[in-house]
Amino acid sequence: MDTNDSQTDLIAALLTATKQHDELLTNYQELSLCNELTDKASDQLDQIYAKALNDPMLNFLLTEIDHILNSYLGLLSDEAVGGYKDQQAWLRERLEQTPFEHRNCQEVQKMLAEAGFYEGPIDGVIGPRSTQALKQMTIQIQENLSQRGFYNQDDIDGFFGRSSRQAVKAFQQSRSLEDSGLPNRETLIALRSE
């Protein structure tokens, strides 16, 4: 899978979430544009925020609506717009470094648990525990690849970027494994067994 596949998967996940939350997002947008909120409208807004606390994708979509509305209404300063662009750039960079498809999050958690990096629930939610486990596993992969001459020791940072993907692919090719550039189970077993 290359960066375009990861981005395609993310876009598909965003579209699915948008369709899933269509009515709620429309309601949120309408409430956000009200000059004053009735008690009922305020309660609806509270319910939306409560749902967003437990749904990172919904939280992301609400933040995007807020940004679009604030930008449209001219409520954002140049500094705020610049900060938002920095956040977008950071997000794009991290998405390029995500070595797994979003639709396979439970499989990722199972693999992390089998490898001894994750002890949380296998629920498909890539939250702080899963993210930390991914980073720890990535560091170990980078260290193992570095010891075998496939990866630069100075680049060990726990982020799975282009150089990590290329190193994994080169290692996979050297061991006649499927050369996806992704650290799948077979690759992890091969890295640990040597």
C-alpha atoms as a PDB file:
ATOM      1  CA  MET A   1       0.000   0.000   0.000  1.00  0.00           C
ATOM      2  CA  ASP A   2       1.403   3.426  -0.842  1.00  0.00           C
ATOM      3  CA  THR A   3       0.578   6.912   0.428  1.00  0.00           C
ATOM      4  CA  ASN A   4      -2.204   7.276  -2.129  1.00  0.00           C
ATOM      5  CA  ASP A   5      -3.871   4.113  -0.771  1.00  0.00           C
ATOM      6  CA  SER A   6      -3.651   5.470   2.799  1.00  0.00           C
ATOM      7  CA  GLN A   7      -5.127   8.777   1.707  1.00  0.00           C
ATOM      8  CA  THR A   8      -7.841   7.012  -0.278  1.00  0.00           C
ATOM      9  CA  ASP A   9      -8.713   4.938   2.798  1.00  0.00           C
ATOM     10  CA  LEU A  10      -8.838   8.069   4.951  1.00  0.00           C
ATOM     11  CA  ILE A  11     -11.068   9.867   2.456  1.00  0.00           C
ATOM     12  CA  ALA A  12     -13.354   6.835   2.339  1.00  0.00           C
ATOM     13  CA  ALA A  13     -13.488   6.806   6.159  1.00  0.00           C
ATOM     14  CA  LEU A  14     -14.291  10.535   6.191  1.00  0.00           C
ATOM     15  CA  LEU A  15     -17.036  10.108   3.601  1.00  0.00           C
ATOM     16  CA  THR A  16     -18.517   7.167   5.505  1.00  0.00           C
ATOM     17  CA  ALA A  17     -18.444   9.120   8.772  1.00  0.00           C
ATOM     18  CA  THR A  18     -19.943  12.166   7.082  1.00  0.00           C
ATOM     19  CA  LYS A  19     -22.807  10.081   5.681  1.00  0.00           C
ATOM     20  CA  GLN A  20     -23.264   8.321   9.007  1.00  0.00           C
ATOM     21  CA  HIS A  21     -23.496  11.640  10.875  1.00  0.00           C
ATOM     22  CA  ASP A  22     -25.197  13.618   8.095  1.00  0.00           C
ATOM     23  CA  GLU A  23     -28.291  14.627  10.064  1.00  0.00           C
ATOM     24  CA  LEU A  24     -26.296  15.423  13.191  1.00  0.00           C
ATOM     25  CA  LEU A  25     -23.747  17.524  11.248  1.00  0.00           C
ATOM     26  CA  THR A  26     -26.526  19.445   9.503  1.00  0.00           C
ATOM     27  CA  ASN A  27     -28.187  20.067  12.851  1.00  0.00           C
ATOM     28  CA  TYR A  28     -24.858  21.225  14.331  1.00  0.00           C
ATOM     29  CA  GLN A  29     -24.276  23.619  11.445  1.00  0.00           C
ATOM     30  CA  GLU A  30     -27.756  25.126  11.873  1.00  0.00           C
ATOM     31  CA  LEU A  31     -27.296  25.481  15.630  1.00  0.00           C
ATOM     32  CA  SER A  32     -23.873  27.059  15.135  1.00  0.00           C
ATOM     33  CA  LEU A  33     -25.350  29.793  12.964  1.00  0.00           C
ATOM     34  CA  CYS A  34     -28.058  30.772  15.477  1.00  0.00           C
ATOM     35  CA  ASN A  35     -27.674  34.176  17.121  1.00  0.00           C
ATOM     36  CA  GLU A  36     -29.352  32.868  20.272  1.00  0.00           C
ATOM     37  CA  LEU A  37     -30.085  29.337  21.416  1.00  0.00           C
ATOM     38  CA  THR A  38     -33.285  28.216  23.056  1.00  0.00           C
ATOM     39  CA  ASP A  39     -33.026  25.785  25.956  1.00  0.00           C
ATOM     40  CA  LYS A  40     -33.998  22.972  23.599  1.00  0.00           C
ATOM     41  CA  ALA A  41     -31.347  24.000  21.041  1.00  0.00           C
ATOM     42  CA  SER A  42     -28.756  24.282  23.799  1.00  0.00           C
ATOM     43  CA  ASP A  43     -29.612  20.759  24.965  1.00  0.00           C
ATOM     44  CA  GLN A  44     -29.274  19.482  21.378  1.00  0.00           C
ATOM     45  CA  LEU A  45     -25.850  21.084  21.141  1.00  0.00           C
ATOM     46  CA  ASP A  46     -24.817  19.496  24.458  1.00  0.00           C
ATOM     47  CA  GLN A  47     -25.926  16.092  23.148  1.00  0.00           C
ATOM     48  CA  ILE A  48     -23.876  16.546  19.992  1.00  0.00           C
ATOM     49  CA  TYR A  49     -20.791  17.490  22.029  1.00  0.00           C
ATOM     50  CA  ALA A  50     -21.324  14.470  24.303  1.00  0.00           C
ATOM     51  CA  LYS A  51     -21.391  12.157  21.256  1.00  0.00           C
ATOM     52  CA  ALA A  52     -18.265  13.808  19.874  1.00  0.00           C
ATOM     53  CA  LEU A  53     -16.385  13.081  23.108  1.00  0.00           C
ATOM     54  CA  ASN A  54     -16.690   9.364  22.368  1.00  0.00           C
ATOM     55  CA  ASP A  55     -16.287   9.530  18.593  1.00  0.00           C
ATOM     56  CA  PRO A  56     -12.972  10.991  17.339  1.00  0.00           C
ATOM     57  CA  MET A  57     -14.186  11.112  13.732  1.00  0.00           C
ATOM     58  CA  LEU A  58     -17.306  13.078  14.717  1.00  0.00           C
ATOM     59  CA  ASN A  59     -15.131  15.387  16.811  1.00  0.00           C
ATOM     60  CA  PHE A  60     -12.893  15.946  13.783  1.00  0.00           C
ATOM     61  CA  LEU A  61     -15.872  16.689  11.526  1.00  0.00           C
ATOM     62  CA  LEU A  62     -17.340  19.185  14.035  1.00  0.00           C
ATOM     63  CA  THR A  63     -13.973  20.943  14.258  1.00  0.00           C
ATOM     64  CA  GLU A  64     -13.892  21.185  10.477  1.00  0.00           C
ATOM     65  CA  ILE A  65     -17.401  22.672  10.410  1.00  0.00           C
ATOM     66  CA  ASP A  66     -16.342  25.198  13.055  1.00  0.00           C
ATOM     67  CA  HIS A  67     -13.312  26.192  11.014  1.00  0.00           C
ATOM     68  CA  ILE A  68     -15.281  26.516   7.780  1.00  0.00           C
ATOM     69  CA  LEU A  69     -18.011  28.600   9.429  1.00  0.00           C
ATOM     70  CA  ASN A  70     -15.536  30.826  11.269  1.00  0.00           C
ATOM     71  CA  SER A  71     -13.535  31.353   8.109  1.00  0.00           C
ATOM     72  CA  TYR A  72     -16.684  32.075   6.089  1.00  0.00           C
ATOM     73  CA  LEU A  73     -17.917  34.566   8.690  1.00  0.00           C
ATOM     74  CA  GLY A  74     -14.507  36.268   8.869  1.00  0.00           C
ATOM     75  CA  LEU A  75     -14.065  35.415  12.544  1.00  0.00           C
ATOM     76  CA  LEU A  76     -10.566  33.949  12.206  1.00  0.00           C
ATOM     77  CA  SER A  77      -7.453  36.090  12.469  1.00  0.00           C
ATOM     78  CA  ASP A  78      -4.572  35.592  10.053  1.00  0.00           C
ATOM     79  CA  GLU A  79      -2.658  33.988  12.927  1.00  0.00           C
ATOM     80  CA  ALA A  80      -5.483  31.490  13.556  1.00  0.00           C
ATOM     81  CA  VAL A  81      -5.671  30.633   9.851  1.00  0.00           C
ATOM     82  CA  GLY A  82      -1.893  30.097   9.813  1.00  0.00           C
ATOM     83  CA  GLY A  83      -2.134  27.850  12.875  1.00  0.00           C
ATOM     84  CA  TYR A  84      -4.894  25.852  11.242  1.00  0.00           C
ATOM     85  CA  LYS A  85      -2.804  25.399   8.097  1.00  0.00           C
ATOM     86  CA  ASP A  86       0.048  24.170  10.301  1.00  0.00           C
ATOM     87  CA  GLN A  87      -2.328  21.640  11.865  1.00  0.00           C
ATOM     88  CA  GLN A  88      -3.450  20.471   8.432  1.00  0.00           C
ATOM     89  CA  ALA A  89       0.180  20.044   7.348  1.00  0.00           C
ATOM     90  CA  TRP A  90       0.941  18.077  10.529  1.00  0.00           C
ATOM     91  CA  LEU A  91      -2.093  15.846   9.951  1.00  0.00           C
ATOM     92  CA  ARG A  92      -1.130  15.209   6.316  1.00  0.00           C
ATOM     93  CA  GLU A  93       2.409  14.310   7.402  1.00  0.00           C
ATOM     94  CA  ARG A  94       1.171  11.884  10.067  1.00  0.00           C
ATOM     95  CA  LEU A  95      -1.325  10.282   7.685  1.00  0.00           C
ATOM     96  CA  GLU A  96       1.512   9.591   5.284  1.00  0.00           C
ATOM     97  CA  GLN A  97       3.303   7.890   8.175  1.00  0.00           C
ATOM     98  CA  THR A  98       0.389   5.680   9.186  1.00  0.00           C
ATOM     99  CA  PRO A  99       1.379   2.189   8.088  1.00  0.00           C
ATOM    100  CA  PHE A 100      -2.063   0.623   8.383  1.00  0.00           C
ATOM    101  CA  GLU A 101      -5.425   0.970   6.739  1.00  0.00           C
ATOM    102  CA  HIS A 102      -7.996   2.614   8.999  1.00  0.00           C
ATOM    103  CA  ARG A 103     -10.585  -0.062   8.308  1.00  0.00           C
ATOM    104  CA  ASN A 104      -8.268  -2.677   9.816  1.00  0.00           C
ATOM    105  CA  CYS A 105      -7.784  -1.025  13.213  1.00  0.00           C
ATOM    106  CA  GLN A 106      -8.866  -4.114  15.163  1.00  0.00           C
ATOM    107  CA  GLU A 107      -6.354  -6.230  13.247  1.00  0.00           C
ATOM    108  CA  VAL A 108      -3.676  -3.655  14.059  1.00  0.00           C
ATOM    109  CA  GLN A 109      -4.558  -3.850  17.757  1.00  0.00           C
ATOM    110  CA  LYS A 110      -4.455  -7.674  17.642  1.00  0.00           C
ATOM    111  CA  MET A 111      -1.043  -7.568  15.997  1.00  0.00           C
ATOM    112  CA  LEU A 112       0.220  -5.027  18.553  1.00  0.00           C
ATOM    113  CA  ALA A 113      -1.084  -7.204  21.390  1.00  0.00           C
ATOM    114  CA  GLU A 114       0.520 -10.353  19.923  1.00  0.00           C
ATOM    115  CA  ALA A 115       3.814  -8.479  19.631  1.00  0.00           C
ATOM    116  CA  GLY A 116       3.567  -7.402  23.276  1.00  0.00           C
ATOM    117  CA  PHE A 117       3.101  -3.672  22.699  1.00  0.00           C
ATOM    118  CA  TYR A 118      -0.610  -3.298  23.481  1.00  0.00           C
ATOM    119  CA  GLU A 119      -2.717  -4.392  26.456  1.00  0.00           C
ATOM    120  CA  GLY A 120      -5.961  -2.515  25.806  1.00  0.00           C
ATOM    121  CA  PRO A 121      -9.287  -3.631  24.379  1.00  0.00           C
ATOM    122  CA  ILE A 122      -9.436  -4.843  20.776  1.00  0.00           C
ATOM    123  CA  ASP A 123     -12.129  -2.327  19.861  1.00  0.00           C
ATOM    124  CA  GLY A 124     -10.850  -0.787  16.632  1.00  0.00           C
ATOM    125  CA  VAL A 125     -10.389   2.638  18.248  1.00  0.00           C
ATOM    126  CA  ILE A 126      -6.900   3.967  17.651  1.00  0.00           C
ATOM    127  CA  GLY A 127      -6.651   6.151  20.737  1.00  0.00           C
ATOM    128  CA  PRO A 128      -3.708   7.131  22.959  1.00  0.00           C
ATOM    129  CA  ARG A 129      -2.882   3.547  24.040  1.00  0.00           C
ATOM    130  CA  SER A 130      -2.918   2.213  20.497  1.00  0.00           C
ATOM    131  CA  THR A 131      -0.964   5.212  19.219  1.00  0.00           C
ATOM    132  CA  GLN A 132       1.709   4.751  21.898  1.00  0.00           C
ATOM    133  CA  ALA A 133       1.893   1.030  21.114  1.00  0.00           C
ATOM    134  CA  LEU A 134       2.294   1.800  17.396  1.00  0.00           C
ATOM    135  CA  LYS A 135       5.099   4.232  18.173  1.00  0.00           C
ATOM    136  CA  GLN A 136       6.894   1.690  20.388  1.00  0.00           C
ATOM    137  CA  MET A 137       6.550  -0.996  17.749  1.00  0.00           C
ATOM    138  CA  THR A 138       7.788   1.399  15.055  1.00  0.00           C
ATOM    139  CA  ILE A 139      10.855   2.257  17.154  1.00  0.00           C
ATOM    140  CA  GLN A 140      11.619  -1.444  17.565  1.00  0.00           C
ATOM    141  CA  ILE A 141      11.161  -2.030  13.830  1.00  0.00           C
ATOM    142  CA  GLN A 142      13.460   0.902  13.035  1.00  0.00           C
ATOM    143  CA  GLU A 143      16.077  -0.377  15.505  1.00  0.00           C
ATOM    144  CA  ASN A 144      15.921  -3.913  14.075  1.00  0.00           C
ATOM    145  CA  LEU A 145      16.217  -2.583  10.532  1.00  0.00           C
ATOM    146  CA  SER A 146      19.119  -0.356  11.570  1.00  0.00           C
ATOM    147  CA  GLN A 147      20.968  -3.315  13.133  1.00  0.00           C
ATOM    148  CA  ARG A 148      20.617  -5.152   9.807  1.00  0.00           C
ATOM    149  CA  GLY A 149      21.826  -2.188   7.746  1.00  0.00           C
ATOM    150  CA  PHE A 150      18.474  -1.283   6.199  1.00  0.00           C
ATOM    151  CA  TYR A 151      17.780   1.905   8.188  1.00  0.00           C
ATOM    152  CA  ASN A 152      19.814   4.902   9.371  1.00  0.00           C
ATOM    153  CA  GLN A 153      20.314   4.823  13.174  1.00  0.00           C
ATOM    154  CA  ASP A 154      19.961   8.632  13.329  1.00  0.00           C
ATOM    155  CA  ASP A 155      16.411   8.444  11.910  1.00  0.00           C
ATOM    156  CA  ILE A 156      14.930   6.277  14.703  1.00  0.00           C
ATOM    157  CA  ASP A 157      11.996   8.410  15.828  1.00  0.00           C
ATOM    158  CA  GLY A 158       8.949   6.148  16.098  1.00  0.00           C
ATOM    159  CA  PHE A 159       7.213   7.646  13.067  1.00  0.00           C
ATOM    160  CA  PHE A 160       6.605   5.411  10.087  1.00  0.00           C
ATOM    161  CA  GLY A 161       7.533   7.698   7.204  1.00  0.00           C
ATOM    162  CA  ARG A 162       8.868   7.220   3.710  1.00  0.00           C
ATOM    163  CA  SER A 163      12.339   6.076   4.833  1.00  0.00           C
ATOM    164  CA  SER A 164      10.819   3.489   7.205  1.00  0.00           C
ATOM    165  CA  ARG A 165       8.567   2.187   4.457  1.00  0.00           C
ATOM    166  CA  GLN A 166      11.512   1.921   2.039  1.00  0.00           C
ATOM    167  CA  ALA A 167      13.615   0.119   4.663  1.00  0.00           C
ATOM    168  CA  VAL A 168      10.830  -2.360   5.441  1.00  0.00           C
ATOM    169  CA  LYS A 169      10.335  -2.976   1.713  1.00  0.00           C
ATOM    170  CA  ALA A 170      14.062  -3.588   1.181  1.00  0.00           C
ATOM    171  CA  PHE A 171      14.124  -5.996   4.139  1.00  0.00           C
ATOM    172  CA  GLN A 172      11.052  -7.821   2.836  1.00  0.00           C
ATOM    173  CA  GLN A 173      12.629  -8.162  -0.608  1.00  0.00           C
ATOM    174  CA  SER A 174      15.849  -9.500   0.930  1.00  0.00           C
ATOM    175  CA  ARG A 175      13.831 -12.222   2.725  1.00  0.00           C
ATOM    176  CA  SER A 176      11.489 -13.014  -0.206  1.00  0.00           C
ATOM    177  CA  LEU A 177       8.476 -11.690   1.721  1.00  0.00           C
ATOM    178  CA  GLU A 178       5.588  -9.776   0.198  1.00  0.00           C
ATOM    179  CA  ASP A 179       7.258  -6.389  -0.362  1.00  0.00           C
ATOM    180  CA  SER A 180       4.428  -4.065   0.631  1.00  0.00           C
ATOM    181  CA  GLY A 181       6.655  -1.836   2.739  1.00  0.00           C
ATOM    182  CA  LEU A 182       4.270  -2.417   5.659  1.00  0.00           C
ATOM    183  CA  PRO A 183       5.267  -4.174   8.875  1.00  0.00           C
ATOM    184  CA  ASN A 184       2.862  -7.111   8.684  1.00  0.00           C
ATOM    185  CA  ARG A 185       3.004 -10.213  10.912  1.00  0.00           C
ATOM    186  CA  GLU A 186       5.411 -12.100   8.645  1.00  0.00           C
ATOM    187  CA  THR A 187       7.804  -9.159   8.552  1.00  0.00           C
ATOM    188  CA  LEU A 188       7.723  -8.761  12.345  1.00  0.00           C
ATOM    189  CA  ILE A 189       8.411 -12.485  12.796  1.00  0.00           C
ATOM    190  CA  ALA A 190      11.346 -12.302  10.363  1.00  0.00           C
ATOM    191  CA  LEU A 191      12.763  -9.217  12.083  1.00  0.00           C
ATOM    192  CA  ARG A 192      12.539 -10.814  15.534  1.00  0.00           C
ATOM    193  CA  SER A 193      13.833 -14.232  14.517  1.00  0.00           C
ATOM    194  CA  GLU A 194      17.210 -13.035  13.299  1.00  0.00           C
END
